[in-house]
Amino acid sequence: MIHYLLTEQRELREVDHNQSCNWINVFPPFEPNELEGLAHRLNIPADFLTDSLDIDERSRYEKEETAKLILVNTPMLNVNALENEAIFITVPIGIIITDDVIVTISQADNPILKRFIEGKVRNFNASDQRKFILQIFEQNTFWFLECLKKLNLKRNLIEQELYNSSRNKELKQLLRIEKSLVFFVNSLSANDLLMMKMKRTDFLKIRGDELYEDIFEDVIIDNGQALEMSNVYTNILSGTMEAYASIISNNMNNFIQRLTVVTIILMVPTLVASFYGMNLTHLPFQESSYAFYFIIAFSIILGLGLIWFFRRHQK
């Protein structure tokens, strides 16, 4: 699906593909040969479009004679995830820069780009290409921070539930959060390297423009903050998982110990009773009419003695 967008009088509106526009937003589903036709009309390499749809592409930039490509990773809710998969994954957004238009392409209707379309980004003007790219970076970083806060809140709620129970359900949810944080750490690290390299090479041609340099510097700082938060949350979650694993192991050891003690306590009286189940002569109390009561009393005394013994050594 291809949307042609134009900023006029500070308002963004959709126009026909035959009209001039500032921004082309591309996302699935696609018609047959639709991407090839777009690449031919804009005179841009077709692999700029196809690479942006590859979920495994890392953040990078590339320059050709007729266009420039920036790939930046962004978080996305894993809608159709199984119970053992990450809650959030990261997918690339392709930003293709030509002389007349910016093309954004992603493998889904991206929530960051929707904020621009819905008019939720202040001072947005699609005709100002450099500021538009910086605002995409900025909104991407804000979205990372928002997703991190959601994951941390979910982790706190699961930990509260784990204080009262040690069910597999909560542990699986913690594992899903941990997988999401791994995606975030890797993507934020790649984004940080991308932006630092873009700043060093002046890829956006903003050197000397104080306004754009300040925006870019703020974005780099915020991205570093998001990366630090991801690492902190990952370390906290790893420590939490290890602590609960130790608690579960300790509880299992205590349970086995109690079960062993109960087995020994029951085994000794059973052993005494089993002797009198043998067809042997000269057993004690064999001729006594109170033999049964003597055996029961002796078994109880042995059992109580074992209980006293284990309690004393436990202290």
Protein backbone atom coordinates (compact mmCIF):
# COMPACT_ATOMS: atom_id res chain seq x y z
CA MET A 1 0.00 0.00 0.00
CA ILE A 2 1.42 3.36 -1.04
CA HIS A 3 0.25 6.70 0.37
CA TYR A 4 1.29 9.95 -1.28
CA LEU A 5 1.32 12.81 1.23
CA LEU A 6 1.77 16.56 0.88
CA THR A 7 2.23 19.28 3.50
CA GLU A 8 0.31 22.44 2.63
CA GLN A 9 -0.27 25.32 5.03
CA ARG A 10 1.14 23.21 7.88
CA GLU A 11 -1.41 20.43 7.27
CA LEU A 12 -0.68 16.98 5.90
CA ARG A 13 -3.07 15.57 3.33
CA GLU A 14 -3.10 12.64 0.95
CA VAL A 15 -2.86 13.30 -2.76
CA ASP A 16 -3.02 11.28 -5.96
CA HIS A 17 0.13 9.58 -7.21
CA ASN A 18 0.16 11.85 -10.28
CA GLN A 19 0.41 14.97 -8.10
CA SER A 20 3.56 16.32 -6.53
CA CYS A 21 4.13 15.28 -2.90
CA ASN A 22 6.68 15.57 -0.10
CA TRP A 23 6.34 12.16 1.51
CA ILE A 24 5.55 8.65 0.27
CA ASN A 25 4.66 6.12 2.95
CA VAL A 26 4.86 2.45 1.92
CA PHE A 27 3.73 -0.62 3.87
CA PRO A 28 2.14 -4.03 3.12
CA PRO A 29 0.07 -5.37 1.49
CA PHE A 30 1.56 -4.72 -1.95
CA GLU A 31 0.19 -5.21 -5.42
CA PRO A 32 2.27 -7.33 -7.83
CA ASN A 33 5.25 -5.34 -9.13
CA GLU A 34 4.14 -2.31 -7.10
CA LEU A 35 7.54 -1.79 -5.46
CA GLU A 36 9.39 -2.22 -8.76
CA GLY A 37 7.12 0.37 -10.36
CA LEU A 38 7.71 2.83 -7.52
CA ALA A 39 11.48 2.35 -7.73
CA HIS A 40 11.37 2.95 -11.48
CA ARG A 41 9.25 6.13 -11.18
CA LEU A 42 11.48 7.62 -8.47
CA ASN A 43 14.72 6.38 -10.06
CA ILE A 44 15.92 4.72 -6.87
CA PRO A 45 17.53 1.27 -6.44
CA ALA A 46 14.92 -1.45 -5.92
CA ASP A 47 16.99 -3.05 -3.16
CA PHE A 48 16.47 0.10 -1.06
CA LEU A 49 12.82 -0.94 -0.81
CA THR A 50 13.32 -4.68 -0.42
CA ASP A 51 16.08 -4.36 2.19
CA SER A 52 13.76 -2.25 4.34
CA LEU A 53 11.29 -5.15 4.50
CA ASP A 54 13.89 -7.60 5.84
CA ILE A 55 13.35 -8.02 9.59
CA ASP A 56 16.99 -9.02 10.09
CA GLU A 57 18.48 -5.87 8.54
CA ARG A 58 20.65 -3.88 10.94
CA SER A 59 20.60 -0.10 11.29
CA ARG A 60 22.82 1.47 8.63
CA TYR A 61 22.93 4.09 5.91
CA GLU A 62 23.83 3.85 2.25
CA LYS A 63 24.34 6.37 -0.52
CA GLU A 64 23.79 6.03 -4.27
CA GLU A 65 23.91 8.60 -7.04
CA THR A 66 20.16 9.26 -7.09
CA ALA A 67 19.14 8.51 -3.49
CA LYS A 68 20.20 7.87 0.08
CA LEU A 69 18.95 5.12 2.39
CA ILE A 70 18.74 5.13 6.18
CA LEU A 71 17.64 2.00 8.02
CA VAL A 72 16.70 2.44 11.68
CA ASN A 73 15.23 -0.24 13.95
CA THR A 74 12.02 0.43 15.82
CA PRO A 75 9.99 -1.58 18.37
CA MET A 76 6.81 -3.32 17.29
CA LEU A 77 4.22 -5.24 19.31
CA ASN A 78 4.43 -8.94 18.44
CA VAL A 79 0.71 -9.36 17.75
CA ASN A 80 0.63 -13.01 16.68
CA ALA A 81 3.28 -14.18 19.13
CA LEU A 82 3.16 -17.60 20.75
CA GLU A 83 3.39 -17.90 24.54
CA ASN A 84 7.17 -18.50 24.34
CA GLU A 85 7.96 -15.57 22.00
CA ALA A 86 8.91 -11.99 22.79
CA ILE A 87 6.19 -9.43 23.56
CA PHE A 88 7.97 -6.78 21.48
CA ILE A 89 10.21 -7.29 18.47
CA THR A 90 12.18 -4.75 16.44
CA VAL A 91 11.72 -4.12 12.72
CA PRO A 92 13.53 -1.70 10.40
CA ILE A 93 12.09 1.50 8.96
CA GLY A 94 13.59 2.41 5.63
CA ILE A 95 14.00 6.14 4.96
CA ILE A 96 14.85 6.84 1.32
CA ILE A 97 15.90 10.40 0.52
CA THR A 98 15.70 11.86 -2.98
CA ASP A 99 15.93 15.47 -4.16
CA ASP A 100 12.14 15.92 -4.19
CA VAL A 101 10.59 13.41 -1.82
CA ILE A 102 11.17 11.19 1.21
CA VAL A 103 10.02 7.57 1.06
CA THR A 104 9.40 5.64 4.27
CA ILE A 105 8.85 1.90 4.09
CA SER A 106 8.22 -0.69 6.78
CA GLN A 107 6.88 -4.22 6.87
CA ALA A 108 3.83 -3.10 8.90
CA ASP A 109 1.74 -0.02 9.54
CA ASN A 110 4.30 1.48 11.90
CA PRO A 111 3.02 3.35 15.00
CA ILE A 112 5.79 5.95 14.73
CA LEU A 113 4.86 6.95 11.19
CA LYS A 114 1.17 6.95 12.17
CA ARG A 115 1.91 9.71 14.69
CA PHE A 116 3.06 11.94 11.83
CA ILE A 117 0.03 11.08 9.71
CA GLU A 118 -2.36 11.71 12.61
CA GLY A 119 -0.79 15.09 13.33
CA LYS A 120 0.56 14.20 16.78
CA VAL A 121 4.08 15.52 16.10
CA ARG A 122 4.56 19.22 16.69
CA ASN A 123 6.11 21.47 14.03
CA PHE A 124 6.09 18.69 11.44
CA ASN A 125 6.66 19.64 7.83
CA ALA A 126 7.31 16.86 5.33
CA SER A 127 8.95 19.31 2.92
CA ASP A 128 11.80 19.92 5.40
CA GLN A 129 13.61 16.64 4.80
CA ARG A 130 16.39 17.04 7.36
CA LYS A 131 14.04 17.98 10.19
CA PHE A 132 11.62 15.19 9.17
CA ILE A 133 14.38 12.58 9.46
CA LEU A 134 15.49 13.94 12.84
CA GLN A 135 11.87 13.86 14.05
CA ILE A 136 11.57 10.21 12.97
CA PHE A 137 14.68 9.44 15.05
CA GLU A 138 13.21 11.42 17.94
CA GLN A 139 9.81 9.71 17.86
CA ASN A 140 11.51 6.34 17.50
CA THR A 141 13.51 6.95 20.68
CA PHE A 142 10.38 8.11 22.54
CA TRP A 143 8.58 4.95 21.42
CA PHE A 144 11.46 2.80 22.69
CA LEU A 145 11.24 4.54 26.08
CA GLU A 146 7.48 4.06 26.23
CA CYS A 147 7.78 0.35 25.41
CA LEU A 148 10.49 -0.03 28.06
CA LYS A 149 8.20 1.51 30.68
CA LYS A 150 5.43 -0.91 29.70
CA LEU A 151 7.75 -3.89 29.98
CA ASN A 152 9.06 -2.74 33.36
CA LEU A 153 5.52 -2.25 34.69
CA LYS A 154 4.56 -5.72 33.48
CA ARG A 155 7.66 -7.16 35.14
CA ASN A 156 6.75 -5.55 38.48
CA LEU A 157 3.21 -6.97 38.32
CA ILE A 158 4.49 -10.46 37.54
CA GLU A 159 6.98 -10.27 40.42
CA GLN A 160 4.15 -9.40 42.81
CA GLU A 161 2.27 -12.48 41.65
CA LEU A 162 5.38 -14.62 42.05
CA TYR A 163 5.65 -13.63 45.72
CA ASN A 164 2.51 -15.68 46.35
CA SER A 165 3.03 -18.48 43.85
CA SER A 166 5.71 -20.06 41.68
CA ARG A 167 3.63 -21.04 38.70
CA ASN A 168 5.15 -21.68 35.30
CA LYS A 169 2.82 -19.09 33.74
CA GLU A 170 4.51 -16.13 35.45
CA LEU A 171 8.00 -17.48 34.77
CA LYS A 172 7.16 -17.84 31.05
CA GLN A 173 5.98 -14.22 30.96
CA LEU A 174 9.25 -13.09 32.53
CA LEU A 175 11.09 -15.03 29.84
CA ARG A 176 9.07 -13.22 27.14
CA ILE A 177 10.00 -9.87 28.67
CA GLU A 178 13.66 -10.91 28.77
CA LYS A 179 13.56 -11.79 25.06
CA SER A 180 11.99 -8.40 24.27
CA LEU A 181 14.74 -6.61 26.20
CA VAL A 182 17.40 -8.51 24.24
CA PHE A 183 15.85 -7.21 21.00
CA PHE A 184 15.79 -3.68 22.44
CA VAL A 185 19.43 -3.73 23.59
CA ASN A 186 20.68 -4.95 20.20
CA SER A 187 18.55 -2.48 18.21
CA LEU A 188 19.32 0.51 20.41
CA SER A 189 23.04 -0.26 20.21
CA ALA A 190 22.83 -0.42 16.42
CA ASN A 191 20.79 2.81 16.29
CA ASP A 192 23.32 4.53 18.53
CA LEU A 193 26.20 3.53 16.26
CA LEU A 194 24.21 4.65 13.21
CA MET A 195 23.50 8.11 14.60
CA MET A 196 27.04 8.62 15.85
CA LYS A 197 28.38 7.71 12.42
CA MET A 198 25.85 10.00 10.70
CA LYS A 199 26.89 12.84 12.98
CA ARG A 200 30.60 12.23 12.34
CA THR A 201 30.20 12.09 8.54
CA ASP A 202 27.52 14.84 8.46
CA PHE A 203 25.29 12.55 6.39
CA LEU A 204 22.28 14.90 6.73
CA LYS A 205 24.30 18.04 5.90
CA ILE A 206 23.32 19.80 9.13
CA ARG A 207 26.77 20.85 10.35
CA GLY A 208 26.77 24.54 11.09
CA ASP A 209 22.97 24.69 11.57
CA GLU A 210 22.58 25.11 15.34
CA LEU A 211 18.87 24.18 15.43
CA TYR A 212 19.30 20.84 13.65
CA GLU A 213 22.51 20.03 15.52
CA ASP A 214 20.75 20.56 18.86
CA ILE A 215 17.87 18.31 17.84
CA PHE A 216 20.26 15.60 16.67
CA GLU A 217 22.31 15.86 19.87
CA ASP A 218 19.16 15.53 22.00
CA VAL A 219 18.10 12.45 20.01
CA ILE A 220 21.50 10.81 20.56
CA ILE A 221 21.31 11.52 24.30
CA ASP A 222 17.76 10.11 24.55
CA ASN A 223 18.76 7.02 22.59
CA GLY A 224 21.69 6.50 24.97
CA GLN A 225 19.28 6.82 27.90
CA ALA A 226 16.97 4.20 26.36
CA LEU A 227 19.95 1.89 25.82
CA GLU A 228 21.04 2.32 29.44
CA MET A 229 17.49 1.63 30.66
CA SER A 230 17.35 -1.53 28.54
CA ASN A 231 20.62 -2.78 30.02
CA VAL A 232 19.47 -2.00 33.58
CA TYR A 233 16.11 -3.74 33.10
CA THR A 234 17.86 -6.71 31.50
CA ASN A 235 20.25 -7.04 34.45
CA ILE A 236 17.39 -6.69 36.96
CA LEU A 237 15.35 -9.32 35.16
CA SER A 238 18.31 -11.71 34.91
CA GLY A 239 18.93 -11.31 38.65
CA THR A 240 15.23 -11.84 39.35
CA MET A 241 15.13 -15.03 37.28
CA GLU A 242 18.23 -16.37 39.05
CA ALA A 243 16.78 -15.48 42.47
CA TYR A 244 13.51 -17.26 41.75
CA ALA A 245 15.37 -20.27 40.39
CA SER A 246 17.31 -20.43 43.68
CA ILE A 247 14.11 -20.03 45.69
CA ILE A 248 12.38 -22.81 43.77
CA SER A 249 15.42 -25.08 44.19
CA ASN A 250 15.55 -24.33 47.92
CA ASN A 251 11.83 -25.01 48.32
CA MET A 252 12.25 -28.30 46.49
CA ASN A 253 15.12 -29.31 48.77
CA ASN A 254 13.07 -28.47 51.86
CA PHE A 255 10.14 -30.47 50.55
CA ILE A 256 12.30 -33.49 49.79
CA GLN A 257 13.87 -33.23 53.25
CA ARG A 258 10.46 -33.21 54.94
CA LEU A 259 9.31 -36.11 52.80
CA THR A 260 12.44 -38.08 53.73
CA VAL A 261 11.88 -37.46 57.45
CA VAL A 262 8.24 -38.56 57.22
CA THR A 263 9.28 -41.69 55.31
CA ILE A 264 11.84 -42.65 57.98
CA ILE A 265 9.34 -42.01 60.79
CA LEU A 266 6.77 -44.26 59.13
CA MET A 267 9.28 -46.89 58.08
CA VAL A 268 10.48 -47.85 61.60
CA PRO A 269 7.01 -48.71 63.06
CA THR A 270 6.22 -50.53 59.81
CA LEU A 271 9.44 -52.54 60.23
CA VAL A 272 8.41 -53.58 63.75
CA ALA A 273 4.98 -54.63 62.59
CA SER A 274 6.45 -56.60 59.68
CA PHE A 275 8.45 -58.80 62.08
CA TYR A 276 5.20 -59.99 63.61
CA GLY A 277 3.85 -60.81 60.20
CA MET A 278 6.36 -63.65 59.89
CA ASN A 279 5.36 -67.26 60.65
CA LEU A 280 8.09 -67.72 63.25
CA THR A 281 8.14 -69.10 66.76
CA HIS A 282 9.62 -67.54 69.90
CA LEU A 283 8.59 -63.97 69.00
CA PRO A 284 8.25 -61.68 72.03
CA PHE A 285 4.70 -61.46 73.43
CA GLN A 286 3.64 -64.27 71.10
CA GLU A 287 1.52 -65.93 73.75
CA SER A 288 0.22 -62.74 75.34
CA SER A 289 -3.34 -61.60 74.71
CA TYR A 290 -2.09 -57.98 74.84
CA ALA A 291 0.60 -58.52 72.17
CA PHE A 292 -1.18 -56.33 69.62
CA TYR A 293 -1.41 -53.38 72.05
CA PHE A 294 2.22 -53.80 73.08
CA ILE A 295 3.35 -53.71 69.43
CA ILE A 296 1.21 -50.63 68.67
CA ALA A 297 2.52 -48.82 71.76
CA PHE A 298 6.11 -49.73 70.94
CA SER A 299 5.70 -48.50 67.35
CA ILE A 300 4.22 -45.21 68.56
CA ILE A 301 7.07 -44.74 71.04
CA LEU A 302 9.63 -45.36 68.29
CA GLY A 303 7.85 -42.91 66.00
CA LEU A 304 7.72 -40.22 68.70
CA GLY A 305 11.36 -40.87 69.51
CA LEU A 306 12.33 -40.33 65.88
CA ILE A 307 10.28 -37.12 65.73
CA TRP A 308 12.04 -35.82 68.86
CA PHE A 309 15.41 -36.79 67.40
CA PHE A 310 14.86 -34.96 64.08
CA ARG A 311 13.43 -31.88 65.77
CA ARG A 312 16.40 -31.67 68.13
CA HIS A 313 18.95 -31.96 65.29
CA GLN A 314 16.99 -29.52 63.14
CA LYS A 315 17.40 -26.81 65.78
